[in-house]
Amino acid sequence: MTSPDQDVIDALHSFHCHNVVASLWADAVANRLEGLAIYLLSDALGRLDLIIGAYQAFLGRVRSHDDVSFALVAGLLAAGTHRRADALAALAGPAA
């Protein structure tokens, strides 16, 4: 059985790994959102929805008793929400 502190550490490690992979993926497809590449965004959007949900659940767990982890993950949540909005805008296409 893991301690509550170990659960927090494991979650933070998981979030870090996710963000490294997301960053590398974003670098790989930067400025290539034409043709078939646009279809990758729907997969990236689904993954963003998953991690945003994980961030929100984590924040609910640590609220009021782990201010440092809360602040760190709140920043990750804000960045993930921003990336999600960017992906939705790209999928919507050019503004008319």
N, C-alpha and C. Protein backbone atom coordinates (compact mmCIF):
# COMPACT_ATOMS: atom_id res chain seq x y z
N MET A 1 0.85 -1.18 0.00
CA MET A 1 0.00 0.00 0.00
C MET A 1 0.90 1.24 0.00
N THR A 2 0.53 2.21 -0.80
CA THR A 2 1.34 3.43 -0.88
C THR A 2 0.77 4.48 0.06
N SER A 3 1.65 5.36 0.49
CA SER A 3 1.22 6.44 1.37
C SER A 3 0.58 7.55 0.55
N PRO A 4 -0.19 8.43 1.20
CA PRO A 4 -0.77 9.56 0.46
C PRO A 4 0.31 10.42 -0.20
N ASP A 5 1.45 10.57 0.49
CA ASP A 5 2.54 11.35 -0.11
C ASP A 5 3.07 10.67 -1.37
N GLN A 6 3.18 9.35 -1.34
CA GLN A 6 3.67 8.62 -2.52
C GLN A 6 2.67 8.75 -3.67
N ASP A 7 1.38 8.76 -3.36
CA ASP A 7 0.37 8.95 -4.41
C ASP A 7 0.54 10.31 -5.08
N VAL A 8 0.82 11.34 -4.30
CA VAL A 8 1.03 12.68 -4.85
C VAL A 8 2.29 12.68 -5.72
N ILE A 9 3.35 12.07 -5.22
CA ILE A 9 4.60 12.01 -5.99
C ILE A 9 4.38 11.26 -7.30
N ASP A 10 3.70 10.13 -7.24
CA ASP A 10 3.44 9.35 -8.46
C ASP A 10 2.61 10.16 -9.46
N ALA A 11 1.60 10.87 -8.97
CA ALA A 11 0.78 11.69 -9.86
C ALA A 11 1.60 12.79 -10.50
N LEU A 12 2.46 13.45 -9.71
CA LEU A 12 3.29 14.52 -10.26
C LEU A 12 4.27 13.99 -11.30
N HIS A 13 4.85 12.82 -11.07
CA HIS A 13 5.73 12.20 -12.06
C HIS A 13 4.96 11.90 -13.35
N SER A 14 3.77 11.38 -13.18
CA SER A 14 2.93 11.07 -14.35
C SER A 14 2.61 12.34 -15.15
N PHE A 15 2.27 13.40 -14.45
CA PHE A 15 1.97 14.66 -15.13
C PHE A 15 3.19 15.20 -15.86
N HIS A 16 4.35 15.10 -15.22
CA HIS A 16 5.59 15.56 -15.85
C HIS A 16 5.85 14.77 -17.14
N CYS A 17 5.74 13.45 -17.07
CA CYS A 17 5.96 12.62 -18.26
C CYS A 17 4.98 12.98 -19.37
N HIS A 18 3.72 13.17 -19.00
CA HIS A 18 2.73 13.55 -20.01
C HIS A 18 3.12 14.86 -20.68
N ASN A 19 3.55 15.83 -19.91
CA ASN A 19 3.89 17.13 -20.47
C ASN A 19 5.13 17.09 -21.35
N VAL A 20 6.10 16.24 -21.03
CA VAL A 20 7.26 16.07 -21.89
C VAL A 20 6.83 15.48 -23.23
N VAL A 21 6.02 14.44 -23.19
CA VAL A 21 5.54 13.81 -24.43
C VAL A 21 4.71 14.79 -25.24
N ALA A 22 3.81 15.53 -24.60
CA ALA A 22 2.98 16.51 -25.30
C ALA A 22 3.83 17.59 -25.93
N SER A 23 4.85 18.04 -25.25
CA SER A 23 5.73 19.07 -25.78
C SER A 23 6.50 18.57 -27.00
N LEU A 24 7.02 17.35 -26.91
CA LEU A 24 7.74 16.77 -28.05
C LEU A 24 6.82 16.59 -29.24
N TRP A 25 5.58 16.15 -28.99
CA TRP A 25 4.62 15.97 -30.07
C TRP A 25 4.30 17.32 -30.72
N ALA A 26 4.09 18.33 -29.90
CA ALA A 26 3.78 19.66 -30.43
C ALA A 26 4.92 20.19 -31.28
N ASP A 27 6.16 19.98 -30.84
CA ASP A 27 7.32 20.40 -31.63
C ASP A 27 7.37 19.66 -32.96
N ALA A 28 7.01 18.38 -32.94
CA ALA A 28 7.09 17.57 -34.15
C ALA A 28 6.09 18.01 -35.21
N VAL A 29 4.93 18.50 -34.79
CA VAL A 29 3.91 18.87 -35.77
C VAL A 29 3.74 20.38 -35.93
N ALA A 30 4.61 21.14 -35.27
CA ALA A 30 4.51 22.61 -35.38
C ALA A 30 4.56 23.03 -36.85
N ASN A 31 3.68 23.95 -37.19
CA ASN A 31 3.61 24.51 -38.55
C ASN A 31 3.31 23.46 -39.62
N ARG A 32 2.73 22.35 -39.24
CA ARG A 32 2.39 21.31 -40.22
C ARG A 32 0.90 20.98 -40.18
N LEU A 33 0.09 21.89 -39.76
CA LEU A 33 -1.33 21.61 -39.61
C LEU A 33 -2.09 21.82 -40.90
N GLU A 34 -1.65 21.09 -41.91
CA GLU A 34 -2.32 21.11 -43.20
C GLU A 34 -2.58 19.68 -43.61
N GLY A 35 -3.53 19.49 -44.46
CA GLY A 35 -3.78 18.15 -44.99
C GLY A 35 -4.08 17.15 -43.90
N LEU A 36 -3.40 16.01 -43.97
CA LEU A 36 -3.66 14.91 -43.05
C LEU A 36 -3.27 15.22 -41.61
N ALA A 37 -2.33 16.13 -41.41
CA ALA A 37 -1.88 16.43 -40.04
C ALA A 37 -3.00 16.99 -39.17
N ILE A 38 -3.97 17.65 -39.77
CA ILE A 38 -5.06 18.23 -39.00
C ILE A 38 -5.85 17.14 -38.27
N TYR A 39 -5.87 15.92 -38.84
CA TYR A 39 -6.61 14.82 -38.20
C TYR A 39 -5.95 14.35 -36.91
N LEU A 40 -4.67 14.65 -36.73
CA LEU A 40 -3.99 14.30 -35.49
C LEU A 40 -4.50 15.13 -34.33
N LEU A 41 -5.04 16.30 -34.61
CA LEU A 41 -5.51 17.17 -33.53
C LEU A 41 -6.66 16.56 -32.75
N SER A 42 -7.53 15.82 -33.43
CA SER A 42 -8.65 15.23 -32.70
C SER A 42 -8.15 14.22 -31.68
N ASP A 43 -7.08 13.45 -32.04
CA ASP A 43 -6.46 12.53 -31.09
C ASP A 43 -5.80 13.33 -29.96
N ALA A 44 -5.03 14.42 -30.35
CA ALA A 44 -4.39 15.24 -29.31
C ALA A 44 -5.42 15.87 -28.40
N LEU A 45 -6.66 16.25 -28.97
CA LEU A 45 -7.74 16.85 -28.19
C LEU A 45 -8.29 15.84 -27.18
N GLY A 46 -8.47 14.60 -27.60
CA GLY A 46 -8.93 13.56 -26.68
C GLY A 46 -7.96 13.35 -25.54
N ARG A 47 -6.66 13.38 -25.86
CA ARG A 47 -5.64 13.22 -24.82
C ARG A 47 -5.62 14.42 -23.89
N LEU A 48 -5.83 15.60 -24.43
CA LEU A 48 -5.90 16.80 -23.59
C LEU A 48 -7.08 16.72 -22.63
N ASP A 49 -8.22 16.25 -23.12
CA ASP A 49 -9.38 16.09 -22.25
C ASP A 49 -9.07 15.14 -21.09
N LEU A 50 -8.33 14.06 -21.39
CA LEU A 50 -7.97 13.10 -20.33
C LEU A 50 -7.06 13.73 -19.29
N ILE A 51 -6.03 14.44 -19.74
CA ILE A 51 -5.08 15.00 -18.77
C ILE A 51 -5.71 16.16 -18.00
N ILE A 52 -6.56 16.94 -18.65
CA ILE A 52 -7.26 18.02 -17.94
C ILE A 52 -8.13 17.43 -16.83
N GLY A 53 -8.82 16.34 -17.12
CA GLY A 53 -9.62 15.66 -16.10
C GLY A 53 -8.75 15.14 -14.96
N ALA A 54 -7.58 14.60 -15.29
CA ALA A 54 -6.66 14.11 -14.26
C ALA A 54 -6.15 15.25 -13.40
N TYR A 55 -5.83 16.38 -14.04
CA TYR A 55 -5.38 17.55 -13.27
C TYR A 55 -6.47 18.00 -12.31
N GLN A 56 -7.70 18.07 -12.79
CA GLN A 56 -8.81 18.53 -11.95
C GLN A 56 -9.03 17.59 -10.77
N ALA A 57 -8.97 16.29 -11.01
CA ALA A 57 -9.14 15.31 -9.93
C ALA A 57 -8.01 15.45 -8.90
N PHE A 58 -6.78 15.63 -9.38
CA PHE A 58 -5.64 15.80 -8.48
C PHE A 58 -5.82 17.05 -7.62
N LEU A 59 -6.23 18.14 -8.24
CA LEU A 59 -6.41 19.38 -7.50
C LEU A 59 -7.46 19.21 -6.39
N GLY A 60 -8.50 18.47 -6.67
CA GLY A 60 -9.50 18.19 -5.65
C GLY A 60 -8.94 17.39 -4.48
N ARG A 61 -7.98 16.50 -4.79
CA ARG A 61 -7.37 15.68 -3.73
C ARG A 61 -6.43 16.47 -2.83
N VAL A 62 -5.66 17.40 -3.41
CA VAL A 62 -4.62 18.08 -2.63
C VAL A 62 -5.03 19.47 -2.13
N ARG A 63 -6.18 19.93 -2.57
CA ARG A 63 -6.65 21.26 -2.16
C ARG A 63 -6.64 21.38 -0.63
N SER A 64 -6.12 22.47 -0.15
CA SER A 64 -6.09 22.82 1.28
C SER A 64 -5.05 22.07 2.11
N HIS A 65 -4.31 21.11 1.53
CA HIS A 65 -3.29 20.47 2.36
C HIS A 65 -1.95 20.26 1.66
N ASP A 66 -1.83 20.70 0.40
CA ASP A 66 -0.53 20.63 -0.30
C ASP A 66 -0.48 21.81 -1.27
N ASP A 67 -0.17 22.97 -0.75
CA ASP A 67 -0.21 24.20 -1.53
C ASP A 67 0.77 24.21 -2.69
N VAL A 68 1.96 23.63 -2.50
CA VAL A 68 2.97 23.63 -3.55
C VAL A 68 2.52 22.78 -4.74
N SER A 69 2.08 21.55 -4.47
CA SER A 69 1.59 20.69 -5.55
C SER A 69 0.35 21.30 -6.21
N PHE A 70 -0.51 21.89 -5.40
CA PHE A 70 -1.71 22.53 -5.94
C PHE A 70 -1.33 23.62 -6.94
N ALA A 71 -0.39 24.48 -6.55
CA ALA A 71 0.02 25.59 -7.44
C ALA A 71 0.67 25.06 -8.71
N LEU A 72 1.50 24.04 -8.59
CA LEU A 72 2.17 23.46 -9.76
C LEU A 72 1.15 22.89 -10.74
N VAL A 73 0.23 22.09 -10.25
CA VAL A 73 -0.75 21.44 -11.13
C VAL A 73 -1.79 22.43 -11.63
N ALA A 74 -2.10 23.46 -10.85
CA ALA A 74 -3.01 24.50 -11.35
C ALA A 74 -2.39 25.18 -12.57
N GLY A 75 -1.08 25.39 -12.56
CA GLY A 75 -0.41 25.95 -13.73
C GLY A 75 -0.45 25.01 -14.92
N LEU A 76 -0.26 23.71 -14.66
CA LEU A 76 -0.37 22.72 -15.74
C LEU A 76 -1.79 22.68 -16.30
N LEU A 77 -2.77 22.79 -15.43
CA LEU A 77 -4.17 22.81 -15.87
C LEU A 77 -4.43 24.01 -16.77
N ALA A 78 -3.92 25.16 -16.38
CA ALA A 78 -4.10 26.36 -17.20
C ALA A 78 -3.46 26.19 -18.58
N ALA A 79 -2.26 25.63 -18.61
CA ALA A 79 -1.58 25.40 -19.89
C ALA A 79 -2.33 24.38 -20.73
N GLY A 80 -2.80 23.31 -20.11
CA GLY A 80 -3.57 22.30 -20.84
C GLY A 80 -4.86 22.86 -21.40
N THR A 81 -5.53 23.68 -20.62
CA THR A 81 -6.77 24.32 -21.07
C THR A 81 -6.50 25.25 -22.25
N HIS A 82 -5.38 25.96 -22.19
CA HIS A 82 -4.99 26.84 -23.30
C HIS A 82 -4.69 26.03 -24.56
N ARG A 83 -3.94 24.92 -24.41
CA ARG A 83 -3.65 24.06 -25.56
C ARG A 83 -4.93 23.50 -26.15
N ARG A 84 -5.89 23.14 -25.28
CA ARG A 84 -7.17 22.60 -25.76
C ARG A 84 -7.90 23.65 -26.59
N ALA A 85 -7.91 24.89 -26.12
CA ALA A 85 -8.56 25.96 -26.88
C ALA A 85 -7.88 26.17 -28.22
N ASP A 86 -6.55 26.10 -28.25
CA ASP A 86 -5.81 26.22 -29.51
C ASP A 86 -6.16 25.10 -30.47
N ALA A 87 -6.24 23.87 -29.95
CA ALA A 87 -6.60 22.73 -30.81
C ALA A 87 -8.01 22.87 -31.35
N LEU A 88 -8.94 23.30 -30.51
CA LEU A 88 -10.32 23.50 -30.98
C LEU A 88 -10.38 24.57 -32.06
N ALA A 89 -9.61 25.65 -31.88
CA ALA A 89 -9.60 26.72 -32.89
C ALA A 89 -9.02 26.21 -34.20
N ALA A 90 -7.96 25.40 -34.13
CA ALA A 90 -7.35 24.86 -35.35
C ALA A 90 -8.31 23.91 -36.06
N LEU A 91 -9.03 23.12 -35.29
CA LEU A 91 -10.00 22.20 -35.90
C LEU A 91 -11.17 22.94 -36.52
N ALA A 92 -11.52 24.10 -35.97
CA ALA A 92 -12.63 24.89 -36.50
C ALA A 92 -12.27 25.53 -37.83
N GLY A 93 -10.99 25.68 -38.09
CA GLY A 93 -10.55 26.28 -39.36
C GLY A 93 -10.48 27.78 -39.26
N PRO A 94 -10.16 28.40 -40.38
CA PRO A 94 -10.01 29.86 -40.40
C PRO A 94 -11.32 30.57 -40.07
N ALA A 95 -11.20 31.69 -39.36
CA ALA A 95 -12.38 32.49 -39.03
C ALA A 95 -12.91 33.14 -40.29
N ALA A 96 -14.21 33.16 -40.38
CA ALA A 96 -14.84 33.76 -41.58
C ALA A 96 -15.00 35.25 -41.44
